[in-house]
Amino acid sequence: MPKTKSKPQTWEQRISKQLVGKKIVEVRWMTKKEADENYWDYQPVLLILDDGTALCPMSDDEGNNAGALCHLGGEEKLFQ
């Protein structure tokens, strides 16, 4: 019987397992110390999840510096 290869998971499938069902329990600014540890000049907002992990906006996918967070959708206008 030939061995079958399992289909690799897409990025969306992998990240979904890590994020779906999680709850944001804290929103705070990154500390100066945390920014320095990442060699960043800026301190972005952090979204802390109920499992202790944090979502952090970055300027690019290489993590070269802090980035911006954008709100899309919904009925409430949050940003002026």
N, C-alpha and C. Protein backbone atom coordinates (compact mmCIF):
# COMPACT_ATOMS: atom_id res chain seq x y z
N MET A 1 0.83 -1.17 0.00
CA MET A 1 0.00 0.00 0.00
C MET A 1 0.89 1.24 0.00
N PRO A 2 0.66 2.18 -0.94
CA PRO A 2 1.52 3.38 -1.00
C PRO A 2 1.24 4.34 0.14
N LYS A 3 2.29 4.98 0.57
CA LYS A 3 2.14 6.00 1.62
C LYS A 3 1.52 7.25 1.00
N THR A 4 0.60 7.84 1.71
CA THR A 4 0.00 9.08 1.23
C THR A 4 0.52 10.23 2.05
N LYS A 5 0.72 11.32 1.38
CA LYS A 5 1.17 12.52 2.07
C LYS A 5 -0.04 13.33 2.49
N SER A 6 0.01 13.83 3.70
CA SER A 6 -1.09 14.69 4.14
C SER A 6 -0.92 16.06 3.49
N LYS A 7 -2.02 16.67 3.17
CA LYS A 7 -2.00 17.98 2.55
C LYS A 7 -1.55 19.01 3.59
N PRO A 8 -0.56 19.82 3.25
CA PRO A 8 -0.10 20.83 4.21
C PRO A 8 -1.20 21.84 4.51
N GLN A 9 -1.24 22.28 5.74
CA GLN A 9 -2.24 23.26 6.14
C GLN A 9 -1.89 24.64 5.57
N THR A 10 -2.91 25.37 5.23
CA THR A 10 -2.69 26.74 4.77
C THR A 10 -2.40 27.62 5.97
N TRP A 11 -1.91 28.82 5.69
CA TRP A 11 -1.66 29.77 6.77
C TRP A 11 -2.94 30.05 7.53
N GLU A 12 -4.05 30.22 6.79
CA GLU A 12 -5.33 30.52 7.43
C GLU A 12 -5.76 29.40 8.37
N GLN A 13 -5.53 28.16 7.99
CA GLN A 13 -5.89 27.03 8.85
C GLN A 13 -5.03 27.03 10.12
N ARG A 14 -3.75 27.27 9.96
CA ARG A 14 -2.85 27.27 11.12
C ARG A 14 -3.18 28.40 12.09
N ILE A 15 -3.37 29.62 11.55
CA ILE A 15 -3.64 30.75 12.44
C ILE A 15 -5.03 30.65 13.05
N SER A 16 -5.98 30.04 12.33
CA SER A 16 -7.32 29.86 12.86
C SER A 16 -7.30 29.01 14.11
N LYS A 17 -6.49 27.96 14.11
CA LYS A 17 -6.39 27.10 15.30
C LYS A 17 -5.87 27.88 16.51
N GLN A 18 -5.04 28.88 16.24
CA GLN A 18 -4.45 29.65 17.34
C GLN A 18 -5.32 30.81 17.80
N LEU A 19 -6.23 31.30 16.93
CA LEU A 19 -6.98 32.51 17.28
C LEU A 19 -8.47 32.32 17.48
N VAL A 20 -9.09 31.44 16.74
CA VAL A 20 -10.55 31.29 16.83
C VAL A 20 -10.94 30.83 18.24
N GLY A 21 -11.88 31.55 18.83
CA GLY A 21 -12.34 31.22 20.17
C GLY A 21 -11.58 31.91 21.28
N LYS A 22 -10.48 32.57 20.95
CA LYS A 22 -9.72 33.29 21.97
C LYS A 22 -10.43 34.59 22.31
N LYS A 23 -10.11 35.11 23.47
CA LYS A 23 -10.72 36.35 23.94
C LYS A 23 -9.62 37.36 24.24
N ILE A 24 -9.85 38.60 23.82
CA ILE A 24 -8.92 39.67 24.16
C ILE A 24 -9.21 40.07 25.60
N VAL A 25 -8.21 39.95 26.47
CA VAL A 25 -8.41 40.24 27.88
C VAL A 25 -7.71 41.52 28.33
N GLU A 26 -6.84 42.05 27.47
CA GLU A 26 -6.12 43.27 27.83
C GLU A 26 -5.67 43.96 26.55
N VAL A 27 -5.69 45.28 26.58
CA VAL A 27 -5.13 46.10 25.50
C VAL A 27 -4.20 47.09 26.17
N ARG A 28 -2.93 47.10 25.71
CA ARG A 28 -1.96 48.01 26.34
C ARG A 28 -0.88 48.37 25.33
N TRP A 29 -0.16 49.40 25.65
CA TRP A 29 0.97 49.78 24.83
C TRP A 29 2.18 48.92 25.20
N MET A 30 2.99 48.59 24.22
CA MET A 30 4.25 47.89 24.48
C MET A 30 5.14 48.81 25.32
N THR A 31 5.83 48.23 26.27
CA THR A 31 6.72 49.03 27.11
C THR A 31 7.99 49.39 26.32
N LYS A 32 8.70 50.40 26.81
CA LYS A 32 9.97 50.78 26.20
C LYS A 32 10.94 49.61 26.23
N LYS A 33 10.95 48.87 27.34
CA LYS A 33 11.84 47.72 27.47
C LYS A 33 11.51 46.66 26.42
N GLU A 34 10.21 46.37 26.22
CA GLU A 34 9.81 45.37 25.23
C GLU A 34 10.19 45.82 23.82
N ALA A 35 10.02 47.11 23.53
CA ALA A 35 10.40 47.64 22.22
C ALA A 35 11.91 47.51 22.03
N ASP A 36 12.68 47.87 23.04
CA ASP A 36 14.14 47.76 22.97
C ASP A 36 14.58 46.32 22.74
N GLU A 37 13.91 45.36 23.38
CA GLU A 37 14.26 43.95 23.21
C GLU A 37 14.04 43.48 21.77
N ASN A 38 13.13 44.14 21.05
CA ASN A 38 12.86 43.81 19.65
C ASN A 38 13.59 44.73 18.69
N TYR A 39 14.46 45.62 19.23
CA TYR A 39 15.21 46.60 18.44
C TYR A 39 14.27 47.50 17.64
N TRP A 40 13.16 47.89 18.26
CA TRP A 40 12.18 48.76 17.62
C TRP A 40 12.29 50.17 18.16
N ASP A 41 12.00 51.14 17.31
CA ASP A 41 11.99 52.54 17.70
C ASP A 41 10.65 52.97 18.27
N TYR A 42 9.59 52.21 17.95
CA TYR A 42 8.23 52.58 18.33
C TYR A 42 7.60 51.52 19.24
N GLN A 43 6.58 51.93 19.97
CA GLN A 43 5.88 51.05 20.89
C GLN A 43 4.42 50.91 20.44
N PRO A 44 4.07 49.78 19.80
CA PRO A 44 2.72 49.61 19.30
C PRO A 44 1.75 49.15 20.39
N VAL A 45 0.48 49.15 20.04
CA VAL A 45 -0.54 48.60 20.92
C VAL A 45 -0.42 47.08 20.90
N LEU A 46 -0.67 46.44 22.03
CA LEU A 46 -0.67 44.98 22.12
C LEU A 46 -2.06 44.51 22.50
N LEU A 47 -2.53 43.48 21.84
CA LEU A 47 -3.79 42.83 22.19
C LEU A 47 -3.43 41.53 22.89
N ILE A 48 -3.67 41.43 24.19
CA ILE A 48 -3.31 40.27 24.98
C ILE A 48 -4.50 39.31 25.01
N LEU A 49 -4.25 38.05 24.64
CA LEU A 49 -5.31 37.05 24.60
C LEU A 49 -5.39 36.27 25.90
N ASP A 50 -6.49 35.52 26.06
CA ASP A 50 -6.72 34.79 27.31
C ASP A 50 -5.74 33.67 27.57
N ASP A 51 -4.94 33.29 26.58
CA ASP A 51 -3.91 32.27 26.82
C ASP A 51 -2.54 32.89 27.06
N GLY A 52 -2.49 34.22 27.17
CA GLY A 52 -1.23 34.90 27.47
C GLY A 52 -0.47 35.37 26.25
N THR A 53 -0.86 34.94 25.07
CA THR A 53 -0.17 35.40 23.87
C THR A 53 -0.63 36.80 23.53
N ALA A 54 0.16 37.49 22.71
CA ALA A 54 -0.15 38.86 22.33
C ALA A 54 -0.15 39.01 20.82
N LEU A 55 -1.06 39.83 20.33
CA LEU A 55 -1.06 40.22 18.92
C LEU A 55 -0.43 41.60 18.86
N CYS A 56 0.53 41.74 17.95
CA CYS A 56 1.31 42.96 17.87
C CYS A 56 1.42 43.40 16.42
N PRO A 57 0.95 44.61 16.07
CA PRO A 57 1.10 45.07 14.69
C PRO A 57 2.56 45.37 14.38
N MET A 58 2.99 44.91 13.21
CA MET A 58 4.37 45.14 12.76
C MET A 58 4.35 45.88 11.43
N SER A 59 5.43 46.59 11.15
CA SER A 59 5.50 47.38 9.92
C SER A 59 5.64 46.51 8.69
N ASP A 60 6.16 45.29 8.85
CA ASP A 60 6.28 44.36 7.74
C ASP A 60 6.37 42.93 8.29
N ASP A 61 6.35 41.94 7.40
CA ASP A 61 6.34 40.55 7.86
C ASP A 61 7.68 40.08 8.40
N GLU A 62 8.71 40.91 8.32
CA GLU A 62 10.01 40.56 8.90
C GLU A 62 10.17 41.12 10.32
N GLY A 63 9.20 41.89 10.78
CA GLY A 63 9.26 42.44 12.12
C GLY A 63 10.29 43.52 12.30
N ASN A 64 10.49 44.35 11.26
CA ASN A 64 11.52 45.39 11.33
C ASN A 64 11.18 46.55 12.25
N ASN A 65 9.91 46.75 12.55
CA ASN A 65 9.52 47.80 13.50
C ASN A 65 8.05 47.64 13.82
N ALA A 66 7.60 48.42 14.77
CA ALA A 66 6.19 48.41 15.12
C ALA A 66 5.37 48.95 13.96
N GLY A 67 4.10 48.59 13.95
CA GLY A 67 3.25 49.02 12.85
C GLY A 67 1.91 49.54 13.32
N ALA A 68 1.01 49.68 12.37
CA ALA A 68 -0.30 50.25 12.64
C ALA A 68 -1.35 49.16 12.65
N LEU A 69 -2.41 49.41 13.40
CA LEU A 69 -3.55 48.51 13.48
C LEU A 69 -4.73 49.23 12.86
N CYS A 70 -5.51 48.54 12.07
CA CYS A 70 -6.64 49.15 11.37
C CYS A 70 -7.92 48.41 11.73
N HIS A 71 -9.00 49.14 11.93
CA HIS A 71 -10.32 48.56 12.22
C HIS A 71 -11.14 48.61 10.95
N LEU A 72 -11.63 47.46 10.50
CA LEU A 72 -12.45 47.39 9.30
C LEU A 72 -13.82 46.83 9.65
N GLY A 73 -14.86 47.41 9.10
CA GLY A 73 -16.20 46.88 9.29
C GLY A 73 -16.84 47.35 10.58
N GLY A 74 -18.00 46.80 10.83
CA GLY A 74 -18.74 47.19 12.02
C GLY A 74 -19.48 48.49 11.79
N GLU A 75 -20.38 48.81 12.69
CA GLU A 75 -21.20 50.00 12.54
C GLU A 75 -20.65 51.20 13.30
N GLU A 76 -19.87 50.95 14.34
CA GLU A 76 -19.38 52.03 15.17
C GLU A 76 -18.10 52.60 14.58
N LYS A 77 -18.04 53.93 14.42
CA LYS A 77 -16.84 54.59 13.94
C LYS A 77 -15.92 54.81 15.13
N LEU A 78 -14.77 54.16 15.12
CA LEU A 78 -13.87 54.22 16.27
C LEU A 78 -12.80 55.29 16.14
N PHE A 79 -12.41 55.59 14.91
CA PHE A 79 -11.28 56.49 14.69
C PHE A 79 -11.74 57.72 13.92
N GLN A 80 -11.26 58.86 14.30
CA GLN A 80 -11.61 60.13 13.63
C GLN A 80 -10.62 60.45 12.56
